Amino acid sequence: MGNGIFVTGTDTGIGKTFVAGGIAAALSEKNVDVGVFKPMLSGDNREDPESDTMILKSMSGDESPSSDITPFQFDEPLAPYLAAKRQKISVKQTDVINTWNHIKHRHSFYIVEGAGGIAVPYGKDFLVSDVMKDINLPVIVVTRPNLGTVNHTFLTVDYARRCGLNVLGVVINGFNTEKAGIVEHTNPELIEQFCKVPVLGIIPQIDKKDRKALAELFYTKVNLSSFM
């Protein structure tokens, strides 16, 4: 098993890139040589400063070309397999792994981010989970704080384990301190009890901040020692 983590989520729009980027910034600020890899991007241009690719790149300080960080990009905001199919592009599982093997030795620690949830179709006959198994990094699951998250987190963690993946824990993203009720305050304990994984961090809902501020936030809010 290599040195790094694979960041997945219970759903799309859950904040995987925000969490992956925040962890990357925190580690980089502590002089860890961090590389990033998000093999597929749908609905965005990887060169756009607001794209997931460029957020990961800027937060980590990874100087690799964006085409190495995200080798496959598609026009429409759809599951990568469908987006690629509609563009008459075929990507095989070996294509993804070959690109990973090309870059994985550039940095001492890698943060890899999937697309959507763990079972999103990447290609005709493979899912995000299949690539996770090939890359073989410990997994962090990003989840939301509110009602329903225990179910979604349990399903994701259970499926990951059935795939033979090592789930390190969960990061709860978007905790609204002012509006949080009994559900939000009790969900972390329920997740640990029923999913049998630690909650490695609870990230508050915040406005966009600069890299240094995010690095400090994640350094204080996430148990980084759990995967270093």
Protein backbone atom coordinates (compact mmCIF):
# COMPACT_ATOMS: atom_id res chain seq x y z
CA MET A 1 0.00 0.00 0.00
CA GLY A 2 1.32 3.39 -0.99
CA ASN A 3 1.64 6.53 1.10
CA GLY A 4 -1.45 8.64 0.77
CA ILE A 5 -5.24 8.63 0.94
CA PHE A 6 -8.14 8.22 -1.45
CA VAL A 7 -10.96 10.70 -0.77
CA THR A 8 -14.46 9.56 -1.68
CA GLY A 9 -17.89 10.72 -0.58
CA THR A 10 -21.41 9.59 0.14
CA ASP A 11 -22.70 11.59 -2.82
CA THR A 12 -21.79 14.19 -5.41
CA GLY A 13 -21.53 17.79 -4.20
CA ILE A 14 -20.60 16.59 -0.72
CA GLY A 15 -17.37 18.61 -0.59
CA LYS A 16 -14.75 16.02 -1.53
CA THR A 17 -12.57 18.55 -3.34
CA PHE A 18 -12.87 21.05 -0.49
CA VAL A 19 -11.82 18.42 2.04
CA ALA A 20 -9.10 16.92 -0.16
CA GLY A 21 -7.75 20.40 -0.89
CA GLY A 22 -7.91 21.45 2.75
CA ILE A 23 -5.99 18.36 3.86
CA ALA A 24 -3.47 18.92 1.06
CA ALA A 25 -2.95 22.53 2.16
CA ALA A 26 -2.55 21.55 5.81
CA LEU A 27 0.02 18.88 5.02
CA SER A 28 1.88 21.09 2.55
CA GLU A 29 2.14 23.85 5.17
CA LYS A 30 3.82 21.28 7.43
CA ASN A 31 6.39 20.59 4.68
CA VAL A 32 4.88 17.32 3.48
CA ASP A 33 5.58 16.71 -0.21
CA VAL A 34 1.97 16.40 -1.39
CA GLY A 35 0.79 15.36 -4.84
CA VAL A 36 -2.81 15.24 -6.06
CA PHE A 37 -4.67 13.10 -8.59
CA LYS A 38 -8.28 13.34 -9.76
CA PRO A 39 -8.39 11.08 -12.79
CA MET A 40 -11.74 12.18 -14.22
CA LEU A 41 -13.54 15.52 -14.36
CA SER A 42 -16.98 16.08 -15.89
CA GLY A 43 -18.58 19.41 -16.72
CA ASP A 44 -15.52 21.58 -16.10
CA ASN A 45 -12.34 22.52 -17.89
CA ARG A 46 -9.37 21.39 -15.79
CA GLU A 47 -7.56 24.65 -16.64
CA ASP A 48 -10.34 26.76 -15.10
CA PRO A 49 -9.07 28.26 -11.82
CA GLU A 50 -12.34 27.18 -10.16
CA SER A 51 -12.16 23.58 -11.38
CA ASP A 52 -11.59 20.72 -8.95
CA THR A 53 -8.27 20.06 -10.66
CA MET A 54 -6.92 23.56 -10.16
CA ILE A 55 -8.23 23.77 -6.58
CA LEU A 56 -6.35 20.58 -5.72
CA LYS A 57 -3.28 21.80 -7.57
CA SER A 58 -3.17 25.20 -5.86
CA MET A 59 -3.96 23.86 -2.40
CA SER A 60 -1.29 21.15 -2.54
CA GLY A 61 1.38 23.13 -4.38
CA ASP A 62 1.70 20.23 -6.82
CA GLU A 63 3.56 21.60 -9.85
CA SER A 64 2.53 18.77 -12.17
CA PRO A 65 0.63 19.85 -15.31
CA SER A 66 -3.14 19.83 -14.85
CA SER A 67 -3.31 17.21 -17.62
CA ASP A 68 -1.32 14.87 -15.37
CA ILE A 69 -3.44 15.62 -12.30
CA THR A 70 -6.65 15.06 -14.31
CA PRO A 71 -5.88 13.10 -17.46
CA PHE A 72 -9.52 12.62 -18.52
CA GLN A 73 -12.01 15.46 -18.79
CA PHE A 74 -15.48 15.57 -20.32
CA ASP A 75 -17.81 18.39 -21.30
CA GLU A 76 -21.08 17.50 -19.60
CA PRO A 77 -21.67 17.33 -15.80
CA LEU A 78 -22.59 13.64 -15.87
CA ALA A 79 -21.16 10.40 -14.53
CA PRO A 80 -17.77 10.10 -16.30
CA TYR A 81 -18.77 6.98 -18.23
CA LEU A 82 -21.92 8.61 -19.64
CA ALA A 83 -20.17 11.93 -20.32
CA ALA A 84 -17.38 10.11 -22.17
CA LYS A 85 -19.81 7.92 -24.10
CA ARG A 86 -21.75 10.97 -25.32
CA GLN A 87 -18.45 12.39 -26.62
CA LYS A 88 -17.62 9.06 -28.26
CA ILE A 89 -14.63 8.61 -25.94
CA SER A 90 -13.73 5.25 -24.44
CA VAL A 91 -11.62 5.10 -21.29
CA LYS A 92 -10.51 1.73 -19.94
CA GLN A 93 -9.57 0.92 -16.38
CA THR A 94 -6.01 0.24 -17.52
CA ASP A 95 -5.88 3.74 -19.05
CA VAL A 96 -6.63 5.29 -15.67
CA ILE A 97 -4.11 3.12 -13.82
CA ASN A 98 -1.41 3.76 -16.43
CA THR A 99 -1.77 7.51 -15.84
CA TRP A 100 -1.54 6.93 -12.09
CA ASN A 101 1.57 4.80 -12.46
CA HIS A 102 3.11 7.58 -14.56
CA ILE A 103 2.91 10.14 -11.73
CA LYS A 104 2.69 8.28 -8.42
CA HIS A 105 6.42 8.45 -7.65
CA ARG A 106 6.69 12.23 -8.03
CA HIS A 107 5.63 12.98 -4.46
CA SER A 108 6.02 11.29 -1.09
CA PHE A 109 2.31 11.58 -0.21
CA TYR A 110 -0.65 11.51 -2.59
CA ILE A 111 -4.23 12.61 -2.18
CA VAL A 112 -6.45 11.00 -4.80
CA GLU A 113 -10.05 12.10 -5.32
CA GLY A 114 -12.81 10.17 -7.02
CA ALA A 115 -15.88 11.43 -8.88
CA GLY A 116 -19.17 11.50 -7.01
CA GLY A 117 -19.64 8.48 -4.77
CA ILE A 118 -17.76 5.22 -4.56
CA ALA A 119 -19.94 3.32 -7.06
CA VAL A 120 -20.09 5.95 -9.82
CA PRO A 121 -19.40 4.43 -13.27
CA TYR A 122 -15.99 5.46 -14.58
CA GLY A 123 -16.19 3.35 -17.71
CA LYS A 124 -18.15 0.67 -19.54
CA ASP A 125 -17.23 -2.07 -17.10
CA PHE A 126 -15.65 -0.38 -14.07
CA LEU A 127 -16.57 1.90 -11.18
CA VAL A 128 -14.72 4.35 -8.95
CA SER A 129 -14.33 1.49 -6.46
CA ASP A 130 -12.43 -0.59 -9.03
CA VAL A 131 -9.89 2.19 -9.47
CA MET A 132 -9.68 2.58 -5.69
CA LYS A 133 -8.78 -1.09 -5.39
CA ASP A 134 -6.06 -0.77 -8.02
CA ILE A 135 -4.56 2.39 -6.50
CA ASN A 136 -4.80 0.73 -3.08
CA LEU A 137 -4.66 3.73 -0.75
CA PRO A 138 -6.49 4.01 2.59
CA VAL A 139 -9.90 5.64 2.20
CA ILE A 140 -11.46 8.70 3.78
CA VAL A 141 -15.21 9.17 3.34
CA VAL A 142 -16.57 12.72 3.19
CA THR A 143 -20.13 12.98 4.43
CA ARG A 144 -22.68 15.63 5.37
CA PRO A 145 -23.82 16.40 8.92
CA ASN A 146 -27.60 16.35 8.65
CA LEU A 147 -30.51 13.89 8.63
CA GLY A 148 -29.91 10.80 6.49
CA THR A 149 -26.16 10.89 6.65
CA VAL A 150 -25.84 7.83 8.92
CA ASN A 151 -27.56 5.68 6.30
CA HIS A 152 -25.49 7.04 3.42
CA THR A 153 -22.26 6.77 5.39
CA PHE A 154 -23.01 3.22 6.51
CA LEU A 155 -23.74 2.10 2.94
CA THR A 156 -20.54 3.69 1.62
CA VAL A 157 -18.31 2.32 4.37
CA ASP A 158 -19.87 -1.14 4.17
CA TYR A 159 -19.49 -1.30 0.38
CA ALA A 160 -15.89 -0.10 0.59
CA ARG A 161 -15.06 -2.84 3.08
CA ARG A 162 -16.77 -5.45 0.90
CA CYS A 163 -14.45 -4.28 -1.88
CA GLY A 164 -11.49 -4.99 0.39
CA LEU A 165 -10.67 -1.32 0.97
CA ASN A 166 -9.22 0.06 4.19
CA VAL A 167 -11.52 2.81 5.45
CA LEU A 168 -9.57 5.06 7.80
CA GLY A 169 -12.53 7.15 8.84
CA VAL A 170 -15.03 9.86 8.05
CA VAL A 171 -14.80 13.62 7.69
CA ILE A 172 -18.08 15.43 8.24
CA ASN A 173 -18.20 18.53 6.06
CA GLY A 174 -20.41 21.62 6.23
CA PHE A 175 -21.39 21.63 9.90
CA ASN A 176 -23.50 24.75 10.53
CA THR A 177 -22.93 25.62 14.17
CA GLU A 178 -25.74 28.19 14.32
CA LYS A 179 -28.41 25.95 12.78
CA ALA A 180 -27.28 22.57 14.11
CA GLY A 181 -29.87 20.63 16.08
CA ILE A 182 -30.04 17.30 17.86
CA VAL A 183 -29.51 15.41 14.58
CA GLU A 184 -26.29 17.18 13.66
CA HIS A 185 -24.91 16.96 17.18
CA THR A 186 -25.62 13.25 17.58
CA ASN A 187 -24.73 11.99 14.08
CA PRO A 188 -20.95 11.83 14.69
CA GLU A 189 -21.45 9.43 17.60
CA LEU A 190 -23.98 7.36 15.62
CA ILE A 191 -21.59 7.12 12.67
CA GLU A 192 -18.80 5.86 14.90
CA GLN A 193 -21.14 3.43 16.67
CA PHE A 194 -22.79 1.87 13.63
CA CYS A 195 -20.22 2.32 10.87
CA LYS A 196 -17.39 1.34 13.22
CA VAL A 197 -15.03 3.99 11.90
CA PRO A 198 -13.68 7.09 13.63
CA VAL A 199 -14.88 10.56 12.74
CA LEU A 200 -11.55 12.13 11.85
CA GLY A 201 -12.85 15.67 11.65
CA ILE A 202 -15.90 17.93 11.60
CA ILE A 203 -15.46 20.86 9.22
CA PRO A 204 -17.66 23.92 9.78
CA GLN A 205 -19.64 25.53 7.01
CA ILE A 206 -17.49 28.46 5.95
CA ASP A 207 -17.11 31.02 3.21
CA LYS A 208 -14.22 30.53 0.84
CA LYS A 209 -10.92 31.31 2.48
CA ASP A 210 -7.37 31.52 1.26
CA ARG A 211 -4.98 28.60 1.26
CA LYS A 212 -3.23 29.52 4.49
CA ALA A 213 -6.52 29.93 6.38
CA LEU A 214 -7.79 26.58 5.07
CA ALA A 215 -4.52 24.92 5.98
CA GLU A 216 -4.88 26.15 9.56
CA LEU A 217 -8.55 25.13 9.69
CA PHE A 218 -7.88 21.57 8.55
CA TYR A 219 -4.78 21.25 10.69
CA THR A 220 -6.86 22.00 13.77
CA LYS A 221 -10.09 20.23 12.77
CA VAL A 222 -8.84 16.97 11.19
CA ASN A 223 -6.81 14.23 12.82
CA LEU A 224 -4.04 14.27 10.24
CA SER A 225 -1.88 11.88 12.25
CA SER A 226 -4.36 9.11 11.46
CA PHE A 227 -3.02 8.81 7.92
CA MET A 228 0.53 10.14 8.19
